[in-house]
Amino acid sequence: MRYNLINQRKKRKMTQKNIASLIDVGRSTYNAYELGTIDPPLEKALKIKEILKYNKDDIFLNENVSKNDKK
């Protein structure tokens, strides 16, 4: 699960449906982005980061990725 993505969305008081609408995907597709079951295309990923005002590159890392995999 991508906790950074989820936390940033909740911090902005947005729903999955809100963001899905803004990036022109279905809510279930956006949910899959948060679950980490699918990766958003680069264009959608950049738009999500823009909407959430998130500047770091770690927003799409899965929480279960080991520290060695992050290097």
PDB file of N, CA and C in Angstrom:
ATOM      1  N   MET A   1       0.843  -1.177   0.000  1.00  0.00           N
ATOM      2  CA  MET A   1       0.000   0.000   0.000  1.00  0.00           C
ATOM      3  C   MET A   1       0.885   1.236   0.000  1.00  0.00           C
ATOM      4  N   ARG A   2       0.441   2.240  -0.653  1.00  0.00           N
ATOM      5  CA  ARG A   2       1.204   3.486  -0.779  1.00  0.00           C
ATOM      6  C   ARG A   2       0.711   4.503   0.245  1.00  0.00           C
ATOM      7  N   TYR A   3       1.260   4.397   1.456  1.00  0.00           N
ATOM      8  CA  TYR A   3       0.790   5.235   2.551  1.00  0.00           C
ATOM      9  C   TYR A   3       1.071   6.713   2.330  1.00  0.00           C
ATOM     10  N   ASN A   4       2.190   7.059   1.681  1.00  0.00           N
ATOM     11  CA  ASN A   4       2.457   8.474   1.418  1.00  0.00           C
ATOM     12  C   ASN A   4       1.352   9.079   0.558  1.00  0.00           C
ATOM     13  N   LEU A   5       0.948   8.349  -0.457  1.00  0.00           N
ATOM     14  CA  LEU A   5      -0.109   8.826  -1.349  1.00  0.00           C
ATOM     15  C   LEU A   5      -1.422   8.989  -0.589  1.00  0.00           C
ATOM     16  N   ILE A   6      -1.759   8.000   0.182  1.00  0.00           N
ATOM     17  CA  ILE A   6      -3.004   8.038   0.959  1.00  0.00           C
ATOM     18  C   ILE A   6      -2.966   9.179   1.980  1.00  0.00           C
ATOM     19  N   ASN A   7      -1.859   9.286   2.703  1.00  0.00           N
ATOM     20  CA  ASN A   7      -1.745  10.328   3.728  1.00  0.00           C
ATOM     21  C   ASN A   7      -1.816  11.728   3.136  1.00  0.00           C
ATOM     22  N   GLN A   8      -1.170  11.928   2.009  1.00  0.00           N
ATOM     23  CA  GLN A   8      -1.212  13.246   1.374  1.00  0.00           C
ATOM     24  C   GLN A   8      -2.617  13.584   0.889  1.00  0.00           C
ATOM     25  N   ARG A   9      -3.317  12.595   0.356  1.00  0.00           N
ATOM     26  CA  ARG A   9      -4.703  12.830  -0.093  1.00  0.00           C
ATOM     27  C   ARG A   9      -5.580  13.217   1.092  1.00  0.00           C
ATOM     28  N   LYS A  10      -5.450  12.464   2.181  1.00  0.00           N
ATOM     29  CA  LYS A  10      -6.266  12.745   3.369  1.00  0.00           C
ATOM     30  C   LYS A  10      -5.889  14.081   3.996  1.00  0.00           C
ATOM     31  N   LYS A  11      -4.603  14.407   3.974  1.00  0.00           N
ATOM     32  CA  LYS A  11      -4.138  15.691   4.503  1.00  0.00           C
ATOM     33  C   LYS A  11      -4.799  16.848   3.764  1.00  0.00           C
ATOM     34  N   ARG A  12      -5.035  16.677   2.485  1.00  0.00           N
ATOM     35  CA  ARG A  12      -5.680  17.702   1.655  1.00  0.00           C
ATOM     36  C   ARG A  12      -7.204  17.606   1.713  1.00  0.00           C
ATOM     37  N   LYS A  13      -7.695  16.653   2.531  1.00  0.00           N
ATOM     38  CA  LYS A  13      -9.141  16.444   2.711  1.00  0.00           C
ATOM     39  C   LYS A  13      -9.840  16.160   1.380  1.00  0.00           C
ATOM     40  N   MET A  14      -9.199  15.291   0.590  1.00  0.00           N
ATOM     41  CA  MET A  14      -9.752  14.906  -0.709  1.00  0.00           C
ATOM     42  C   MET A  14     -10.133  13.435  -0.657  1.00  0.00           C
ATOM     43  N   THR A  15     -11.131  13.084  -1.453  1.00  0.00           N
ATOM     44  CA  THR A  15     -11.517  11.686  -1.575  1.00  0.00           C
ATOM     45  C   THR A  15     -10.850  11.085  -2.806  1.00  0.00           C
ATOM     46  N   GLN A  16     -10.884   9.769  -2.876  1.00  0.00           N
ATOM     47  CA  GLN A  16     -10.385   9.095  -4.069  1.00  0.00           C
ATOM     48  C   GLN A  16     -11.177   9.561  -5.289  1.00  0.00           C
ATOM     49  N   LYS A  17     -12.463   9.731  -5.110  1.00  0.00           N
ATOM     50  CA  LYS A  17     -13.316  10.172  -6.210  1.00  0.00           C
ATOM     51  C   LYS A  17     -12.920  11.561  -6.698  1.00  0.00           C
ATOM     52  N   ASN A  18     -12.576  12.475  -5.763  1.00  0.00           N
ATOM     53  CA  ASN A  18     -12.140  13.829  -6.144  1.00  0.00           C
ATOM     54  C   ASN A  18     -10.929  13.773  -7.063  1.00  0.00           C
ATOM     55  N   ILE A  19      -9.910  13.057  -6.619  1.00  0.00           N
ATOM     56  CA  ILE A  19      -8.671  13.006  -7.393  1.00  0.00           C
ATOM     57  C   ILE A  19      -8.886  12.262  -8.697  1.00  0.00           C
ATOM     58  N   ALA A  20      -9.619  11.167  -8.650  1.00  0.00           N
ATOM     59  CA  ALA A  20      -9.895  10.403  -9.875  1.00  0.00           C
ATOM     60  C   ALA A  20     -10.546  11.298 -10.924  1.00  0.00           C
ATOM     61  N   SER A  21     -11.483  12.111 -10.496  1.00  0.00           N
ATOM     62  CA  SER A  21     -12.159  13.023 -11.413  1.00  0.00           C
ATOM     63  C   SER A  21     -11.187  14.041 -12.008  1.00  0.00           C
ATOM     64  N   LEU A  22     -10.297  14.566 -11.169  1.00  0.00           N
ATOM     65  CA  LEU A  22      -9.341  15.583 -11.621  1.00  0.00           C
ATOM     66  C   LEU A  22      -8.312  15.030 -12.614  1.00  0.00           C
ATOM     67  N   ILE A  23      -8.007  13.732 -12.503  1.00  0.00           N
ATOM     68  CA  ILE A  23      -7.016  13.151 -13.425  1.00  0.00           C
ATOM     69  C   ILE A  23      -7.684  12.310 -14.508  1.00  0.00           C
ATOM     70  N   ASP A  24      -9.002  12.333 -14.535  1.00  0.00           N
ATOM     71  CA  ASP A  24      -9.782  11.673 -15.586  1.00  0.00           C
ATOM     72  C   ASP A  24      -9.603  10.154 -15.626  1.00  0.00           C
ATOM     73  N   VAL A  25      -9.734   9.535 -14.436  1.00  0.00           N
ATOM     74  CA  VAL A  25      -9.781   8.074 -14.338  1.00  0.00           C
ATOM     75  C   VAL A  25     -10.940   7.715 -13.413  1.00  0.00           C
ATOM     76  N   GLY A  26     -11.316   6.465 -13.409  1.00  0.00           N
ATOM     77  CA  GLY A  26     -12.360   6.009 -12.493  1.00  0.00           C
ATOM     78  C   GLY A  26     -11.820   5.901 -11.071  1.00  0.00           C
ATOM     79  N   ARG A  27     -12.713   5.952 -10.104  1.00  0.00           N
ATOM     80  CA  ARG A  27     -12.300   5.840  -8.708  1.00  0.00           C
ATOM     81  C   ARG A  27     -11.603   4.511  -8.444  1.00  0.00           C
ATOM     82  N   SER A  28     -12.077   3.434  -9.069  1.00  0.00           N
ATOM     83  CA  SER A  28     -11.452   2.128  -8.849  1.00  0.00           C
ATOM     84  C   SER A  28     -10.025   2.092  -9.393  1.00  0.00           C
ATOM     85  N   THR A  29      -9.776   2.815 -10.471  1.00  0.00           N
ATOM     86  CA  THR A  29      -8.414   2.902 -11.006  1.00  0.00           C
ATOM     87  C   THR A  29      -7.523   3.666 -10.043  1.00  0.00           C
ATOM     88  N   TYR A  30      -8.031   4.780  -9.537  1.00  0.00           N
ATOM     89  CA  TYR A  30      -7.244   5.542  -8.566  1.00  0.00           C
ATOM     90  C   TYR A  30      -6.996   4.710  -7.312  1.00  0.00           C
ATOM     91  N   ASN A  31      -7.995   3.964  -6.878  1.00  0.00           N
ATOM     92  CA  ASN A  31      -7.840   3.095  -5.721  1.00  0.00           C
ATOM     93  C   ASN A  31      -6.698   2.104  -5.956  1.00  0.00           C
ATOM     94  N   ALA A  32      -6.608   1.564  -7.155  1.00  0.00           N
ATOM     95  CA  ALA A  32      -5.531   0.631  -7.498  1.00  0.00           C
ATOM     96  C   ALA A  32      -4.166   1.322  -7.428  1.00  0.00           C
ATOM     97  N   TYR A  33      -4.103   2.601  -7.761  1.00  0.00           N
ATOM     98  CA  TYR A  33      -2.858   3.359  -7.615  1.00  0.00           C
ATOM     99  C   TYR A  33      -2.451   3.408  -6.146  1.00  0.00           C
ATOM    100  N   GLU A  34      -3.425   3.678  -5.260  1.00  0.00           N
ATOM    101  CA  GLU A  34      -3.131   3.752  -3.828  1.00  0.00           C
ATOM    102  C   GLU A  34      -2.758   2.387  -3.259  1.00  0.00           C
ATOM    103  N   LEU A  35      -3.402   1.355  -3.736  1.00  0.00           N
ATOM    104  CA  LEU A  35      -3.090   0.010  -3.254  1.00  0.00           C
ATOM    105  C   LEU A  35      -1.747  -0.492  -3.784  1.00  0.00           C
ATOM    106  N   GLY A  36      -1.291   0.104  -4.867  1.00  0.00           N
ATOM    107  CA  GLY A  36      -0.040  -0.324  -5.466  1.00  0.00           C
ATOM    108  C   GLY A  36      -0.190  -1.508  -6.399  1.00  0.00           C
ATOM    109  N   THR A  37      -1.435  -1.825  -6.756  1.00  0.00           N
ATOM    110  CA  THR A  37      -1.648  -2.952  -7.663  1.00  0.00           C
ATOM    111  C   THR A  37      -1.356  -2.577  -9.107  1.00  0.00           C
ATOM    112  N   ILE A  38      -1.487  -1.291  -9.424  1.00  0.00           N
ATOM    113  CA  ILE A  38      -1.061  -0.796 -10.735  1.00  0.00           C
ATOM    114  C   ILE A  38      -0.362   0.543 -10.540  1.00  0.00           C
ATOM    115  N   ASP A  39       0.532   0.846 -11.447  1.00  0.00           N
ATOM    116  CA  ASP A  39       1.234   2.120 -11.422  1.00  0.00           C
ATOM    117  C   ASP A  39       0.557   3.083 -12.383  1.00  0.00           C
ATOM    118  N   PRO A  40       0.407   4.331 -11.965  1.00  0.00           N
ATOM    119  CA  PRO A  40      -0.184   5.314 -12.879  1.00  0.00           C
ATOM    120  C   PRO A  40       0.791   5.636 -14.000  1.00  0.00           C
ATOM    121  N   PRO A  41       0.284   5.933 -15.182  1.00  0.00           N
ATOM    122  CA  PRO A  41       1.169   6.432 -16.236  1.00  0.00           C
ATOM    123  C   PRO A  41       1.845   7.717 -15.748  1.00  0.00           C
ATOM    124  N   LEU A  42       3.006   8.023 -16.297  1.00  0.00           N
ATOM    125  CA  LEU A  42       3.776   9.178 -15.841  1.00  0.00           C
ATOM    126  C   LEU A  42       2.950  10.461 -15.830  1.00  0.00           C
ATOM    127  N   GLU A  43       2.177  10.669 -16.876  1.00  0.00           N
ATOM    128  CA  GLU A  43       1.341  11.882 -16.961  1.00  0.00           C
ATOM    129  C   GLU A  43       0.386  11.981 -15.778  1.00  0.00           C
ATOM    130  N   LYS A  44      -0.255  10.860 -15.420  1.00  0.00           N
ATOM    131  CA  LYS A  44      -1.199  10.850 -14.291  1.00  0.00           C
ATOM    132  C   LYS A  44      -0.451  11.014 -12.971  1.00  0.00           C
ATOM    133  N   ALA A  45       0.704  10.367 -12.842  1.00  0.00           N
ATOM    134  CA  ALA A  45       1.494  10.462 -11.613  1.00  0.00           C
ATOM    135  C   ALA A  45       1.910  11.903 -11.345  1.00  0.00           C
ATOM    136  N   LEU A  46       2.372  12.574 -12.376  1.00  0.00           N
ATOM    137  CA  LEU A  46       2.776  13.975 -12.215  1.00  0.00           C
ATOM    138  C   LEU A  46       1.589  14.858 -11.856  1.00  0.00           C
ATOM    139  N   LYS A  47       0.444  14.581 -12.433  1.00  0.00           N
ATOM    140  CA  LYS A  47      -0.766  15.356 -12.133  1.00  0.00           C
ATOM    141  C   LYS A  47      -1.192  15.139 -10.677  1.00  0.00           C
ATOM    142  N   ILE A  48      -1.097  13.888 -10.215  1.00  0.00           N
ATOM    143  CA  ILE A  48      -1.455  13.585  -8.821  1.00  0.00           C
ATOM    144  C   ILE A  48      -0.531  14.351  -7.876  1.00  0.00           C
ATOM    145  N   LYS A  49       0.772  14.304  -8.137  1.00  0.00           N
ATOM    146  CA  LYS A  49       1.718  15.034  -7.296  1.00  0.00           C
ATOM    147  C   LYS A  49       1.415  16.527  -7.304  1.00  0.00           C
ATOM    148  N   GLU A  50       1.032  17.055  -8.438  1.00  0.00           N
ATOM    149  CA  GLU A  50       0.689  18.477  -8.544  1.00  0.00           C
ATOM    150  C   GLU A  50      -0.559  18.796  -7.721  1.00  0.00           C
ATOM    151  N   ILE A  51      -1.576  17.971  -7.851  1.00  0.00           N
ATOM    152  CA  ILE A  51      -2.825  18.176  -7.109  1.00  0.00           C
ATOM    153  C   ILE A  51      -2.569  18.136  -5.605  1.00  0.00           C
ATOM    154  N   LEU A  52      -1.740  17.181  -5.178  1.00  0.00           N
ATOM    155  CA  LEU A  52      -1.463  17.013  -3.752  1.00  0.00           C
ATOM    156  C   LEU A  52      -0.348  17.933  -3.254  1.00  0.00           C
ATOM    157  N   LYS A  53       0.231  18.722  -4.176  1.00  0.00           N
ATOM    158  CA  LYS A  53       1.317  19.641  -3.811  1.00  0.00           C
ATOM    159  C   LYS A  53       2.452  18.901  -3.108  1.00  0.00           C
ATOM    160  N   TYR A  54       2.842  17.760  -3.697  1.00  0.00           N
ATOM    161  CA  TYR A  54       3.880  16.892  -3.122  1.00  0.00           C
ATOM    162  C   TYR A  54       5.097  16.929  -4.026  1.00  0.00           C
ATOM    163  N   ASN A  55       6.252  17.308  -3.478  1.00  0.00           N
ATOM    164  CA  ASN A  55       7.449  17.509  -4.288  1.00  0.00           C
ATOM    165  C   ASN A  55       8.446  16.360  -4.260  1.00  0.00           C
ATOM    166  N   LYS A  56       8.360  15.470  -3.279  1.00  0.00           N
ATOM    167  CA  LYS A  56       9.317  14.371  -3.178  1.00  0.00           C
ATOM    168  C   LYS A  56       8.971  13.269  -4.177  1.00  0.00           C
ATOM    169  N   ASP A  57       9.938  12.410  -4.438  1.00  0.00           N
ATOM    170  CA  ASP A  57       9.733  11.321  -5.394  1.00  0.00           C
ATOM    171  C   ASP A  57       9.187  10.046  -4.765  1.00  0.00           C
ATOM    172  N   ASP A  58       9.022  10.014  -3.444  1.00  0.00           N
ATOM    173  CA  ASP A  58       8.642   8.774  -2.776  1.00  0.00           C
ATOM    174  C   ASP A  58       7.133   8.565  -2.625  1.00  0.00           C
ATOM    175  N   ILE A  59       6.330   9.386  -3.209  1.00  0.00           N
ATOM    176  CA  ILE A  59       4.881   9.284  -3.005  1.00  0.00           C
ATOM    177  C   ILE A  59       4.298   7.965  -3.530  1.00  0.00           C
ATOM    178  N   PHE A  60       4.920   7.382  -4.552  1.00  0.00           N
ATOM    179  CA  PHE A  60       4.373   6.160  -5.132  1.00  0.00           C
ATOM    180  C   PHE A  60       5.086   4.894  -4.666  1.00  0.00           C
ATOM    181  N   LEU A  61       5.989   5.003  -3.681  1.00  0.00           N
ATOM    182  CA  LEU A  61       6.635   3.804  -3.157  1.00  0.00           C
ATOM    183  C   LEU A  61       5.649   3.031  -2.301  1.00  0.00           C
ATOM    184  N   ASN A  62       5.665   1.727  -2.460  1.00  0.00           N
ATOM    185  CA  ASN A  62       4.829   0.877  -1.619  1.00  0.00           C
ATOM    186  C   ASN A  62       5.469   0.774  -0.243  1.00  0.00           C
ATOM    187  N   GLU A  63       4.665   0.727   0.800  1.00  0.00           N
ATOM    188  CA  GLU A  63       5.145   0.650   2.160  1.00  0.00           C
ATOM    189  C   GLU A  63       5.910  -0.639   2.385  1.00  0.00           C
ATOM    190  N   ASN A  64       5.577  -1.688   1.669  1.00  0.00           N
ATOM    191  CA  ASN A  64       6.212  -2.987   1.896  1.00  0.00           C
ATOM    192  C   ASN A  64       7.505  -3.175   1.118  1.00  0.00           C
ATOM    193  N   VAL A  65       7.998  -2.126   0.441  1.00  0.00           N
ATOM    194  CA  VAL A  65       9.280  -2.199  -0.252  1.00  0.00           C
ATOM    195  C   VAL A  65      10.375  -2.141   0.802  1.00  0.00           C
ATOM    196  N   SER A  66      11.322  -3.062   0.719  1.00  0.00           N
ATOM    197  CA  SER A  66      12.390  -3.087   1.715  1.00  0.00           C
ATOM    198  C   SER A  66      13.320  -1.896   1.518  1.00  0.00           C
ATOM    199  N   LYS A  67      14.060  -1.560   2.564  1.00  0.00           N
ATOM    200  CA  LYS A  67      14.981  -0.425   2.492  1.00  0.00           C
ATOM    201  C   LYS A  67      16.035  -0.635   1.418  1.00  0.00           C
ATOM    202  N   ASN A  68      16.459  -1.882   1.210  1.00  0.00           N
ATOM    203  CA  ASN A  68      17.464  -2.167   0.180  1.00  0.00           C
ATOM    204  C   ASN A  68      16.909  -1.916  -1.215  1.00  0.00           C
ATOM    205  N   ASP A  69      15.626  -2.147  -1.421  1.00  0.00           N
ATOM    206  CA  ASP A  69      15.010  -1.932  -2.722  1.00  0.00           C
ATOM    207  C   ASP A  69      14.902  -0.450  -3.056  1.00  0.00           C
ATOM    208  N   LYS A  70      14.888   0.412  -2.042  1.00  0.00           N
ATOM    209  CA  LYS A  70      14.746   1.844  -2.243  1.00  0.00           C
ATOM    210  C   LYS A  70      16.046   2.495  -2.698  1.00  0.00           C
ATOM    211  N   LYS A  71      17.174   1.814  -2.488  1.00  0.00           N
ATOM    212  CA  LYS A  71      18.484   2.386  -2.836  1.00  0.00           C
ATOM    213  C   LYS A  71      18.753   2.366  -4.308  1.00  0.00           C
TER     214      LYS A  71
END
